[in-house]
Structures are given as structure tokens and as C-alpha cells.
PDB file of N, CA and C in Angstrom:
ATOM      1  N   MET A   1      65.702 123.602  73.638  1.00  0.00           N
ATOM      2  CA  MET A   1      67.156 123.412  73.229  1.00  0.00           C
ATOM      3  C   MET A   1      67.676 124.619  73.820  1.00  0.00           C
ATOM      4  N   TYR A   2      67.187 125.798  73.786  1.00  0.00           N
ATOM      5  CA  TYR A   2      67.932 127.064  74.182  1.00  0.00           C
ATOM      6  C   TYR A   2      68.470 126.957  75.628  1.00  0.00           C
ATOM      7  N   PRO A   3      67.678 126.236  76.727  1.00  0.00           N
ATOM      8  CA  PRO A   3      68.427 126.158  77.984  1.00  0.00           C
ATOM      9  C   PRO A   3      69.634 125.363  77.901  1.00  0.00           C
ATOM     10  N   LEU A   4      69.715 124.323  77.003  1.00  0.00           N
ATOM     11  CA  LEU A   4      71.019 123.350  76.965  1.00  0.00           C
ATOM     12  C   LEU A   4      71.936 124.002  76.414  1.00  0.00           C
ATOM     13  N   ALA A   5      71.876 124.890  75.214  1.00  0.00           N
ATOM     14  CA  ALA A   5      72.865 125.795  74.866  1.00  0.00           C
ATOM     15  C   ALA A   5      73.460 126.713  75.429  1.00  0.00           C
ATOM     16  N   ARG A   6      72.413 127.168  76.607  1.00  0.00           N
ATOM     17  CA  ARG A   6      73.096 128.308  77.389  1.00  0.00           C
ATOM     18  C   ARG A   6      73.863 127.833  78.500  1.00  0.00           C
ATOM     19  N   ILE A   7      73.455 126.375  78.909  1.00  0.00           N
ATOM     20  CA  ILE A   7      74.487 125.565  80.012  1.00  0.00           C
ATOM     21  C   ILE A   7      75.828 125.163  79.312  1.00  0.00           C
ATOM     22  N   VAL A   8      75.699 124.973  78.095  1.00  0.00           N
ATOM     23  CA  VAL A   8      76.960 124.439  77.426  1.00  0.00           C
ATOM     24  C   VAL A   8      77.784 125.780  77.196  1.00  0.00           C
ATOM     25  N   LEU A   9      77.298 126.773  76.671  1.00  0.00           N
ATOM     26  CA  LEU A   9      78.204 128.197  76.797  1.00  0.00           C
ATOM     27  C   LEU A   9      78.646 128.638  78.056  1.00  0.00           C
ATOM     28  N   SER A  10      77.846 128.545  79.051  1.00  0.00           N
ATOM     29  CA  SER A  10      78.412 128.858  80.534  1.00  0.00           C
ATOM     30  C   SER A  10      79.617 128.277  80.815  1.00  0.00           C
ATOM     31  N   SER A  11      79.385 126.557  80.755  1.00  0.00           N
ATOM     32  CA  SER A  11      80.105 125.832  80.968  1.00  0.00           C
ATOM     33  C   SER A  11      81.714 126.174  80.230  1.00  0.00           C
ATOM     34  N   LEU A  12      81.569 126.388  78.654  1.00  0.00           N
ATOM     35  CA  LEU A  12      82.539 126.586  78.098  1.00  0.00           C
ATOM     36  C   LEU A  12      83.195 128.018  78.522  1.00  0.00           C
ATOM     37  N   LYS A  13      82.653 128.919  78.850  1.00  0.00           N
ATOM     38  CA  LYS A  13      83.044 130.244  79.204  1.00  0.00           C
ATOM     39  C   LYS A  13      83.838 129.944  80.792  1.00  0.00           C
ATOM     40  N   THR A  14      83.183 129.182  81.398  1.00  0.00           N
ATOM     41  CA  THR A  14      83.993 128.876  82.852  1.00  0.00           C
ATOM     42  C   THR A  14      85.428 128.150  82.472  1.00  0.00           C
ATOM     43  N   GLN A  15      85.358 127.402  81.553  1.00  0.00           N
ATOM     44  CA  GLN A  15      86.356 126.520  81.399  1.00  0.00           C
ATOM     45  C   GLN A  15      87.754 127.500  80.648  1.00  0.00           C
ATOM     46  N   ILE A  16      87.146 128.395  79.732  1.00  0.00           N
ATOM     47  CA  ILE A  16      88.179 129.164  79.248  1.00  0.00           C
ATOM     48  C   ILE A  16      88.895 130.245  80.217  1.00  0.00           C
ATOM     49  N   ARG A  17      87.783 130.647  80.961  1.00  0.00           N
ATOM     50  CA  ARG A  17      88.165 131.561  82.021  1.00  0.00           C
ATOM     51  C   ARG A  17      89.063 130.875  83.106  1.00  0.00           C
ATOM     52  N   SER A  18      89.096 129.593  83.338  1.00  0.00           N
ATOM     53  CA  SER A  18      90.168 129.012  84.170  1.00  0.00           C
ATOM     54  C   SER A  18      91.378 128.712  83.531  1.00  0.00           C
ATOM     55  N   MET A  19      91.194 128.414  82.304  1.00  0.00           N
ATOM     56  CA  MET A  19      92.430 128.452  81.484  1.00  0.00           C
ATOM     57  C   MET A  19      93.187 129.581  81.432  1.00  0.00           C
ATOM     58  N   GLN A  20      92.367 130.876  81.289  1.00  0.00           N
ATOM     59  CA  GLN A  20      93.007 132.196  81.153  1.00  0.00           C
ATOM     60  C   GLN A  20      93.860 132.472  82.658  1.00  0.00           C
ATOM     61  N   GLN A  21      93.372 132.219  83.701  1.00  0.00           N
ATOM     62  CA  GLN A  21      93.664 132.221  84.993  1.00  0.00           C
ATOM     63  C   GLN A  21      95.085 131.498  85.136  1.00  0.00           C
ATOM     64  N   MET A  22      95.114 130.149  84.795  1.00  0.00           N
ATOM     65  CA  MET A  22      96.118 129.491  84.968  1.00  0.00           C
ATOM     66  C   MET A  22      97.330 129.860  84.081  1.00  0.00           C
ATOM     67  N   LYS A  23      97.165 130.468  82.924  1.00  0.00           N
ATOM     68  CA  LYS A  23      98.185 130.974  81.999  1.00  0.00           C
ATOM     69  C   LYS A  23      98.660 132.337  82.861  1.00  0.00           C
ATOM     70  N   ALA A  24      97.798 133.041  83.344  1.00  0.00           N
ATOM     71  CA  ALA A  24      98.096 134.237  83.933  1.00  0.00           C
ATOM     72  C   ALA A  24      99.095 133.984  85.183  1.00  0.00           C
ATOM     73  N   ARG A  25      98.558 133.018  85.870  1.00  0.00           N
ATOM     74  CA  ARG A  25      99.286 132.427  87.229  1.00  0.00           C
ATOM     75  C   ARG A  25     101.047 132.159  86.709  1.00  0.00           C
ATOM     76  N   ASP A  26     100.856 131.457  85.666  1.00  0.00           N
ATOM     77  CA  ASP A  26     102.097 130.871  85.096  1.00  0.00           C
ATOM     78  C   ASP A  26     103.019 131.894  84.706  1.00  0.00           C
ATOM     79  N   ILE A  27     102.540 132.912  83.882  1.00  0.00           N
ATOM     80  CA  ILE A  27     103.416 134.150  83.684  1.00  0.00           C
ATOM     81  C   ILE A  27     103.900 135.032  84.747  1.00  0.00           C
ATOM     82  N   GLN A  28     103.146 135.370  85.707  1.00  0.00           N
ATOM     83  CA  GLN A  28     103.360 135.927  87.035  1.00  0.00           C
ATOM     84  C   GLN A  28     104.577 135.328  87.888  1.00  0.00           C
ATOM     85  N   GLY A  29     103.948 134.192  88.128  1.00  0.00           N
ATOM     86  CA  GLY A  29     104.803 133.374  89.156  1.00  0.00           C
ATOM     87  C   GLY A  29     106.457 132.966  88.648  1.00  0.00           C
ATOM     88  N   LYS A  30     107.275 133.354  89.456  1.00  0.00           N
ATOM     89  CA  LYS A  30     108.472 132.860  88.969  1.00  0.00           C
ATOM     90  C   LYS A  30     108.950 131.278  89.527  1.00  0.00           C
ATOM     91  N   TYR A  31     109.688 130.568  88.648  1.00  0.00           N
ATOM     92  CA  TYR A  31     109.843 129.258  88.828  1.00  0.00           C
ATOM     93  C   TYR A  31     111.172 129.168  89.802  1.00  0.00           C
ATOM     94  N   ALA A  32     110.758 128.647  90.677  1.00  0.00           N
ATOM     95  CA  ALA A  32     111.892 128.465  92.017  1.00  0.00           C
ATOM     96  C   ALA A  32     112.276 126.864  91.697  1.00  0.00           C
ATOM     97  N   PRO A  33     113.809 126.659  91.335  1.00  0.00           N
ATOM     98  CA  PRO A  33     114.246 124.956  91.158  1.00  0.00           C
ATOM     99  C   PRO A  33     113.940 124.255  92.616  1.00  0.00           C
ATOM    100  N   ASP A  34     113.684 123.388  92.567  1.00  0.00           N
ATOM    101  CA  ASP A  34     113.452 122.334  93.683  1.00  0.00           C
ATOM    102  C   ASP A  34     114.682 121.552  93.550  1.00  0.00           C
ATOM    103  N   PHE A  35     114.727 120.532  94.516  1.00  0.00           N
ATOM    104  CA  PHE A  35     115.730 119.430  94.898  1.00  0.00           C
ATOM    105  C   PHE A  35     116.410 118.822  93.728  1.00  0.00           C
ATOM    106  N   HIS A  36     115.357 118.343  92.827  1.00  0.00           N
ATOM    107  CA  HIS A  36     115.602 117.531  91.642  1.00  0.00           C
ATOM    108  C   HIS A  36     116.133 118.222  90.417  1.00  0.00           C
ATOM    109  N   ASP A  37     115.631 119.811  90.492  1.00  0.00           N
ATOM    110  CA  ASP A  37     116.325 120.606  89.422  1.00  0.00           C
ATOM    111  C   ASP A  37     117.932 120.862  89.977  1.00  0.00           C
ATOM    112  N   LYS A  38     118.082 121.030  91.005  1.00  0.00           N
ATOM    113  CA  LYS A  38     119.610 121.178  91.715  1.00  0.00           C
ATOM    114  C   LYS A  38     120.385 120.173  91.815  1.00  0.00           C
ATOM    115  N   TYR A  39     119.749 119.160  92.032  1.00  0.00           N
ATOM    116  CA  TYR A  39     120.835 117.797  92.341  1.00  0.00           C
ATOM    117  C   TYR A  39     120.674 116.656  91.644  1.00  0.00           C
ATOM    118  N   GLY A  40     119.511 116.504  90.742  1.00  0.00           N
ATOM    119  CA  GLY A  40     119.114 115.388  90.088  1.00  0.00           C
ATOM    120  C   GLY A  40     120.059 115.010  89.321  1.00  0.00           C
ATOM    121  N   ASN A  41     121.019 115.588  88.245  1.00  0.00           N
ATOM    122  CA  ASN A  41     121.847 114.951  87.562  1.00  0.00           C
ATOM    123  C   ASN A  41     123.070 114.571  88.282  1.00  0.00           C
ATOM    124  N   ILE A  42     123.595 115.179  89.539  1.00  0.00           N
ATOM    125  CA  ILE A  42     124.614 115.108  90.095  1.00  0.00           C
ATOM    126  C   ILE A  42     124.509 113.518  90.872  1.00  0.00           C
ATOM    127  N   ILE A  43     123.230 113.470  91.548  1.00  0.00           N
ATOM    128  CA  ILE A  43     123.034 112.163  92.225  1.00  0.00           C
ATOM    129  C   ILE A  43     122.846 111.111  91.299  1.00  0.00           C
ATOM    130  N   LEU A  44     122.422 111.400  89.884  1.00  0.00           N
ATOM    131  CA  LEU A  44     122.227 110.362  88.813  1.00  0.00           C
ATOM    132  C   LEU A  44     123.738 109.781  88.444  1.00  0.00           C
ATOM    133  N   LEU A  45     124.528 110.807  88.132  1.00  0.00           N
ATOM    134  CA  LEU A  45     125.914 110.710  87.883  1.00  0.00           C
ATOM    135  C   LEU A  45     126.793 109.821  88.827  1.00  0.00           C
ATOM    136  N   SER A  46     126.622 110.298  90.132  1.00  0.00           N
ATOM    137  CA  SER A  46     127.303 109.685  91.281  1.00  0.00           C
ATOM    138  C   SER A  46     126.735 108.235  91.456  1.00  0.00           C
ATOM    139  N   GLY A  47     125.576 107.818  91.438  1.00  0.00           N
ATOM    140  CA  GLY A  47     125.071 106.641  91.447  1.00  0.00           C
ATOM    141  C   GLY A  47     125.535 105.577  90.261  1.00  0.00           C
ATOM    142  N   THR A  48     125.484 106.119  89.226  1.00  0.00           N
ATOM    143  CA  THR A  48     126.229 105.526  87.946  1.00  0.00           C
ATOM    144  C   THR A  48     127.575 105.072  88.258  1.00  0.00           C
ATOM    145  N   THR A  49     128.244 106.042  88.685  1.00  0.00           N
ATOM    146  CA  THR A  49     129.836 105.952  88.838  1.00  0.00           C
ATOM    147  C   THR A  49     130.052 104.828  89.727  1.00  0.00           C
ATOM    148  N   PHE A  50     129.032 104.866  90.971  1.00  0.00           N
ATOM    149  CA  PHE A  50     129.224 103.836  91.782  1.00  0.00           C
ATOM    150  C   PHE A  50     129.222 102.521  91.521  1.00  0.00           C
ATOM    151  N   CYS A  51     128.192 102.307  90.777  1.00  0.00           N
ATOM    152  CA  CYS A  51     127.836 101.092  90.366  1.00  0.00           C
ATOM    153  C   CYS A  51     128.893 100.480  89.164  1.00  0.00           C
ATOM    154  N   VAL A  52     129.227 101.377  88.598  1.00  0.00           N
ATOM    155  CA  VAL A  52     130.335 100.931  87.420  1.00  0.00           C
ATOM    156  C   VAL A  52     131.588 100.490  88.188  1.00  0.00           C
ATOM    157  N   ALA A  53     131.837 101.418  88.906  1.00  0.00           N
ATOM    158  CA  ALA A  53     133.204 101.087  90.032  1.00  0.00           C
ATOM    159  C   ALA A  53     132.944  99.841  90.729  1.00  0.00           C
ATOM    160  N   THR A  54     131.769  99.724  91.262  1.00  0.00           N
ATOM    161  CA  THR A  54     131.503  98.256  92.027  1.00  0.00           C
ATOM    162  C   THR A  54     131.613  97.134  91.367  1.00  0.00           C
ATOM    163  N   TRP A  55     131.041  97.099  89.796  1.00  0.00           N
ATOM    164  CA  TRP A  55     130.922  95.825  89.047  1.00  0.00           C
ATOM    165  C   TRP A  55     132.565  95.865  88.441  1.00  0.00           C
ATOM    166  N   PHE A  56     133.351  96.909  88.155  1.00  0.00           N
ATOM    167  CA  PHE A  56     134.513  96.735  87.602  1.00  0.00           C
ATOM    168  C   PHE A  56     135.380  95.999  88.416  1.00  0.00           C
ATOM    169  N   TYR A  57     135.272  96.325  90.046  1.00  0.00           N
ATOM    170  CA  TYR A  57     136.026  95.828  91.097  1.00  0.00           C
ATOM    171  C   TYR A  57     135.758  94.274  91.288  1.00  0.00           C
ATOM    172  N   THR A  58     134.527  94.050  91.252  1.00  0.00           N
ATOM    173  CA  THR A  58     133.889  92.494  91.264  1.00  0.00           C
ATOM    174  C   THR A  58     134.356  91.623  90.208  1.00  0.00           C
ATOM    175  N   ILE A  59     134.363  92.427  88.846  1.00  0.00           N
ATOM    176  CA  ILE A  59     134.346  91.544  87.621  1.00  0.00           C
ATOM    177  C   ILE A  59     136.276  91.288  87.534  1.00  0.00           C
ATOM    178  N   THR A  60     137.228  92.151  88.209  1.00  0.00           N
ATOM    179  CA  THR A  60     138.518  92.106  87.858  1.00  0.00           C
ATOM    180  C   THR A  60     139.185  91.709  89.292  1.00  0.00           C
ATOM    181  N   GLN A  61     138.730  91.840  90.415  1.00  0.00           N
ATOM    182  CA  GLN A  61     139.603  91.606  91.598  1.00  0.00           C
ATOM    183  C   GLN A  61     139.275  90.456  92.430  1.00  0.00           C
ATOM    184  N   ILE A  62     138.086  89.846  92.163  1.00  0.00           N
ATOM    185  CA  ILE A  62     137.783  88.606  93.197  1.00  0.00           C
ATOM    186  C   ILE A  62     138.200  87.354  92.751  1.00  0.00           C
ATOM    187  N   GLY A  63     138.808  87.265  91.707  1.00  0.00           N
ATOM    188  CA  GLY A  63     139.286  86.006  91.019  1.00  0.00           C
ATOM    189  C   GLY A  63     138.255  84.755  90.427  1.00  0.00           C
ATOM    190  N   VAL A  64     137.114  85.394  90.153  1.00  0.00           N
ATOM    191  CA  VAL A  64     136.169  84.655  89.441  1.00  0.00           C
ATOM    192  C   VAL A  64     136.637  84.258  87.980  1.00  0.00           C
ATOM    193  N   GLN A  65     136.759  82.868  87.744  1.00  0.00           N
ATOM    194  CA  GLN A  65     136.999  82.600  86.223  1.00  0.00           C
ATOM    195  C   GLN A  65     135.677  82.483  85.540  1.00  0.00           C
ATOM    196  N   TRP A  66     135.797  83.346  84.414  1.00  0.00           N
ATOM    197  CA  TRP A  66     134.459  83.686  83.584  1.00  0.00           C
ATOM    198  C   TRP A  66     134.254  82.603  82.705  1.00  0.00           C
ATOM    199  N   ASN A  67     133.723  81.490  82.773  1.00  0.00           N
ATOM    200  CA  ASN A  67     133.483  80.493  81.658  1.00  0.00           C
ATOM    201  C   ASN A  67     134.861  80.251  80.695  1.00  0.00           C
ATOM    202  N   LEU A  68     135.871  79.832  81.346  1.00  0.00           N
ATOM    203  CA  LEU A  68     136.930  79.720  80.611  1.00  0.00           C
ATOM    204  C   LEU A  68     136.668  78.121  80.056  1.00  0.00           C
ATOM    205  N   SER A  69     136.990  77.969  78.821  1.00  0.00           N
ATOM    206  CA  SER A  69     137.085  76.642  78.153  1.00  0.00           C
ATOM    207  C   SER A  69     138.358  75.625  78.563  1.00  0.00           C
ATOM    208  N   PRO A  70     137.806  74.233  78.942  1.00  0.00           N
ATOM    209  CA  PRO A  70     139.058  73.849  79.026  1.00  0.00           C
ATOM    210  C   PRO A  70     139.715  73.074  77.730  1.00  0.00           C
ATOM    211  N   VAL A  71     139.007  73.230  76.729  1.00  0.00           N
ATOM    212  CA  VAL A  71     139.566  72.840  75.349  1.00  0.00           C
ATOM    213  C   VAL A  71     141.136  73.188  75.193  1.00  0.00           C
ATOM    214  N   GLY A  72     141.876  72.047  75.015  1.00  0.00           N
ATOM    215  CA  GLY A  72     143.205  72.391  74.929  1.00  0.00           C
ATOM    216  C   GLY A  72     144.146  72.528  76.288  1.00  0.00           C
ATOM    217  N   ARG A  73     143.131  72.492  77.388  1.00  0.00           N
ATOM    218  CA  ARG A  73     143.863  72.623  78.719  1.00  0.00           C
ATOM    219  C   ARG A  73     144.127  71.257  79.391  1.00  0.00           C
ATOM    220  N   VAL A  74     143.027  70.449  79.156  1.00  0.00           N
ATOM    221  CA  VAL A  74     142.763  69.096  79.745  1.00  0.00           C
ATOM    222  C   VAL A  74     143.535  68.184  78.894  1.00  0.00           C
ATOM    223  N   THR A  75     144.352  67.331  78.965  1.00  0.00           N
ATOM    224  CA  THR A  75     144.846  65.990  78.447  1.00  0.00           C
ATOM    225  C   THR A  75     144.377  64.879  79.079  1.00  0.00           C
ATOM    226  N   PRO A  76     143.805  63.724  78.294  1.00  0.00           N
ATOM    227  CA  PRO A  76     143.392  62.631  78.975  1.00  0.00           C
ATOM    228  C   PRO A  76     144.543  61.887  79.295  1.00  0.00           C
ATOM    229  N   ARG A  77     144.238  61.090  80.493  1.00  0.00           N
ATOM    230  CA  ARG A  77     145.175  60.069  80.972  1.00  0.00           C
ATOM    231  C   ARG A  77     144.955  58.863  80.571  1.00  0.00           C
ATOM    232  N   GLU A  78     145.973  58.103  80.542  1.00  0.00           N
ATOM    233  CA  GLU A  78     145.792  56.430  80.275  1.00  0.00           C
ATOM    234  C   GLU A  78     144.730  55.680  81.079  1.00  0.00           C
ATOM    235  N   TRP A  79     143.878  54.915  80.517  1.00  0.00           N
ATOM    236  CA  TRP A  79     142.844  54.072  81.153  1.00  0.00           C
ATOM    237  C   TRP A  79     143.653  53.235  82.325  1.00  0.00           C
ATOM    238  N   ASN A  80     143.514  53.032  83.452  1.00  0.00           N
ATOM    239  CA  ASN A  80     144.106  52.096  84.140  1.00  0.00           C
ATOM    240  C   ASN A  80     143.287  50.732  84.451  1.00  0.00           C
ATOM    241  N   GLU A  81     143.747  49.800  83.836  1.00  0.00           N
ATOM    242  CA  GLU A  81     142.705  48.585  83.829  1.00  0.00           C
ATOM    243  C   GLU A  81     143.617  47.520  84.942  1.00  0.00           C
ATOM    244  N   GLU A  82     143.207  47.507  86.056  1.00  0.00           N
ATOM    245  CA  GLU A  82     143.681  46.561  86.917  1.00  0.00           C
ATOM    246  C   GLU A  82     142.700  45.473  87.469  1.00  0.00           C
TER     247      GLU A  82
END
């Protein structure tokens, strides 16, 4: 049991040491913003604006009649029996 406990403790110490090193690296290093941090929201907003404008134009300007009901607009004609 002693060798097993020694292996487990050694492994645990190694893991703790690596976590401490990672934490020290985070504290020391300065965070530099990347492309997505700089321009991500601008690109998202411009894409959303483009899509909304395109759909607005499509719905209002191309002349599609959107499921208009014929009720009250169509009058029946007399039946022609010849």
C-alpha cells in the first residue's frame, strides 16, 4: 500500500504544481485582444443590419402578395347554360 500511496501523492503534487504554474502564467501575462475581441460585435451588427434590410426590401418592394384572401373580392358570375 505504501508504494501506491507514494505514487498517488506524487501525481497529486505534480498536478498541483502544474495548476500553480498555469495560474502564475495567467497573472504575469497581459491579455492582448484578438480579432474577435476587436471586431466581433461590429461584424455581427453589420451582418444583422444587412439581413434585416434585405428582407425588408424583399417583403415591401418586389410586389409579392402575401396570402391575400379572395373573400369579398370575388363575385360569382351567372351560369351560362347553352
